[in-house]
């Protein structure tokens, strides 16, 4: 899913509604969503580490070959058991 797809899916939703994550289709749980971050928010470029070994190359710590603009919805813990039917309604 791309950010534009998520924005489009949310356009007709109640802006005051709570956002939850439904996880594990075979044994579903509803989970609180506590935030939204980009990969660049929790990883960093390291220009100084192993400066001699890297010969000036920049290394991206936290994930190999991952896009720093990737977006993550943060799981805030289980709210309750979910429903397998949620995956049948997927838009």
C-alpha atoms as a PDB file:
ATOM      1  CA  UNK A   1       0.000   0.000   0.000  1.00  0.00           C
ATOM      2  CA  UNK A   2       1.228   3.490  -0.817  1.00  0.00           C
ATOM      3  CA  UNK A   3       0.516   6.605   1.266  1.00  0.00           C
ATOM      4  CA  UNK A   4      -1.751   7.917  -1.518  1.00  0.00           C
ATOM      5  CA  UNK A   5      -3.802   4.673  -1.301  1.00  0.00           C
ATOM      6  CA  UNK A   6      -4.201   5.076   2.456  1.00  0.00           C
ATOM      7  CA  UNK A   7      -5.212   8.729   2.106  1.00  0.00           C
ATOM      8  CA  UNK A   8      -7.782   7.785  -0.534  1.00  0.00           C
ATOM      9  CA  UNK A   9      -9.182   4.972   1.636  1.00  0.00           C
ATOM     10  CA  UNK A  10      -9.544   7.333   4.610  1.00  0.00           C
ATOM     11  CA  UNK A  11     -11.175  10.244   2.732  1.00  0.00           C
ATOM     12  CA  UNK A  12     -14.737   9.155   3.494  1.00  0.00           C
ATOM     13  CA  UNK A  13     -14.098   7.987   7.049  1.00  0.00           C
ATOM     14  CA  UNK A  14     -15.175   9.814  10.196  1.00  0.00           C
ATOM     15  CA  UNK A  15     -12.211  12.045  11.157  1.00  0.00           C
ATOM     16  CA  UNK A  16     -13.073  11.548  14.848  1.00  0.00           C
ATOM     17  CA  UNK A  17     -12.986   7.735  14.596  1.00  0.00           C
ATOM     18  CA  UNK A  18     -10.219   5.852  16.408  1.00  0.00           C
ATOM     19  CA  UNK A  19      -7.533   4.199  14.250  1.00  0.00           C
ATOM     20  CA  UNK A  20      -6.789   0.577  15.154  1.00  0.00           C
ATOM     21  CA  UNK A  21      -4.624  -2.060  13.480  1.00  0.00           C
ATOM     22  CA  UNK A  22      -6.219  -5.446  12.737  1.00  0.00           C
ATOM     23  CA  UNK A  23      -3.402  -8.013  12.715  1.00  0.00           C
ATOM     24  CA  UNK A  24      -2.891 -11.751  12.170  1.00  0.00           C
ATOM     25  CA  UNK A  25      -5.667 -12.916   9.811  1.00  0.00           C
ATOM     26  CA  UNK A  26      -5.568 -16.489  11.164  1.00  0.00           C
ATOM     27  CA  UNK A  27      -5.882 -15.375  14.817  1.00  0.00           C
ATOM     28  CA  UNK A  28      -6.976 -11.718  14.647  1.00  0.00           C
ATOM     29  CA  UNK A  29      -6.303  -8.984  17.167  1.00  0.00           C
ATOM     30  CA  UNK A  30      -7.333  -5.351  17.238  1.00  0.00           C
ATOM     31  CA  UNK A  31      -4.389  -3.181  18.244  1.00  0.00           C
ATOM     32  CA  UNK A  32      -4.179   0.475  19.187  1.00  0.00           C
ATOM     33  CA  UNK A  33      -2.278   2.726  16.788  1.00  0.00           C
ATOM     34  CA  UNK A  34      -0.055   5.116  18.713  1.00  0.00           C
ATOM     35  CA  UNK A  35       1.638   7.018  15.925  1.00  0.00           C
ATOM     36  CA  UNK A  36       2.990   7.361  12.415  1.00  0.00           C
ATOM     37  CA  UNK A  37       6.702   7.618  11.612  1.00  0.00           C
ATOM     38  CA  UNK A  38       9.005   7.427   8.623  1.00  0.00           C
ATOM     39  CA  UNK A  39      12.010   5.117   8.566  1.00  0.00           C
ATOM     40  CA  UNK A  40      14.270   8.199   8.573  1.00  0.00           C
ATOM     41  CA  UNK A  41      12.786   9.146  11.973  1.00  0.00           C
ATOM     42  CA  UNK A  42      14.390   6.166  13.704  1.00  0.00           C
ATOM     43  CA  UNK A  43      17.462   5.460  11.598  1.00  0.00           C
ATOM     44  CA  UNK A  44      20.413   7.651  10.871  1.00  0.00           C
ATOM     45  CA  UNK A  45      23.171   8.132   8.394  1.00  0.00           C
ATOM     46  CA  UNK A  46      26.584   7.562   9.875  1.00  0.00           C
ATOM     47  CA  UNK A  47      29.417   9.418   8.156  1.00  0.00           C
ATOM     48  CA  UNK A  48      31.961   8.882  10.928  1.00  0.00           C
ATOM     49  CA  UNK A  49      31.694   5.176  11.847  1.00  0.00           C
ATOM     50  CA  UNK A  50      34.428   3.073  10.287  1.00  0.00           C
ATOM     51  CA  UNK A  51      35.542   6.116   8.315  1.00  0.00           C
ATOM     52  CA  UNK A  52      38.717   4.397   7.105  1.00  0.00           C
ATOM     53  CA  UNK A  53      36.937   1.171   6.106  1.00  0.00           C
ATOM     54  CA  UNK A  54      34.077   2.900   4.269  1.00  0.00           C
ATOM     55  CA  UNK A  55      36.351   5.193   2.256  1.00  0.00           C
ATOM     56  CA  UNK A  56      33.827   8.035   2.397  1.00  0.00           C
ATOM     57  CA  UNK A  57      30.698   5.948   1.692  1.00  0.00           C
ATOM     58  CA  UNK A  58      27.594   6.761   3.712  1.00  0.00           C
ATOM     59  CA  UNK A  59      25.951   3.864   5.496  1.00  0.00           C
ATOM     60  CA  UNK A  60      22.274   3.818   6.394  1.00  0.00           C
ATOM     61  CA  UNK A  61      21.924   2.215   9.816  1.00  0.00           C
ATOM     62  CA  UNK A  62      18.786   0.360  10.785  1.00  0.00           C
ATOM     63  CA  UNK A  63      17.907  -1.400   7.554  1.00  0.00           C
ATOM     64  CA  UNK A  64      19.788  -2.468   4.442  1.00  0.00           C
ATOM     65  CA  UNK A  65      18.396  -1.265   1.107  1.00  0.00           C
ATOM     66  CA  UNK A  66      15.323   0.244   2.768  1.00  0.00           C
ATOM     67  CA  UNK A  67      13.769   3.510   1.676  1.00  0.00           C
ATOM     68  CA  UNK A  68      14.072   6.219   4.351  1.00  0.00           C
ATOM     69  CA  UNK A  69      10.631   7.542   3.314  1.00  0.00           C
ATOM     70  CA  UNK A  70       8.831   4.263   4.180  1.00  0.00           C
ATOM     71  CA  UNK A  71       5.910   4.952   6.559  1.00  0.00           C
ATOM     72  CA  UNK A  72       5.097   2.897   9.672  1.00  0.00           C
ATOM     73  CA  UNK A  73       1.932   2.848  11.766  1.00  0.00           C
ATOM     74  CA  UNK A  74       3.026   2.108  15.321  1.00  0.00           C
ATOM     75  CA  UNK A  75       1.294  -0.672  17.251  1.00  0.00           C
ATOM     76  CA  UNK A  76       0.269   0.482  20.714  1.00  0.00           C
ATOM     77  CA  UNK A  77      -0.731  -2.899  22.094  1.00  0.00           C
ATOM     78  CA  UNK A  78      -3.692  -5.219  21.941  1.00  0.00           C
ATOM     79  CA  UNK A  79      -7.142  -3.725  22.460  1.00  0.00           C
ATOM     80  CA  UNK A  80      -9.195  -6.926  22.038  1.00  0.00           C
ATOM     81  CA  UNK A  81      -9.608  -9.984  19.860  1.00  0.00           C
ATOM     82  CA  UNK A  82     -10.413  -9.179  16.228  1.00  0.00           C
ATOM     83  CA  UNK A  83     -12.502 -10.774  13.497  1.00  0.00           C
ATOM     84  CA  UNK A  84     -11.429 -12.795  10.454  1.00  0.00           C
ATOM     85  CA  UNK A  85     -14.305 -11.107   8.601  1.00  0.00           C
ATOM     86  CA  UNK A  86     -12.270  -7.875   8.461  1.00  0.00           C
ATOM     87  CA  UNK A  87     -10.136  -9.298   5.631  1.00  0.00           C
ATOM     88  CA  UNK A  88     -13.289 -10.114   3.628  1.00  0.00           C
ATOM     89  CA  UNK A  89     -14.267  -6.403   3.747  1.00  0.00           C
ATOM     90  CA  UNK A  90     -10.866  -5.107   2.616  1.00  0.00           C
ATOM     91  CA  UNK A  91     -11.234  -2.174   0.236  1.00  0.00           C
END
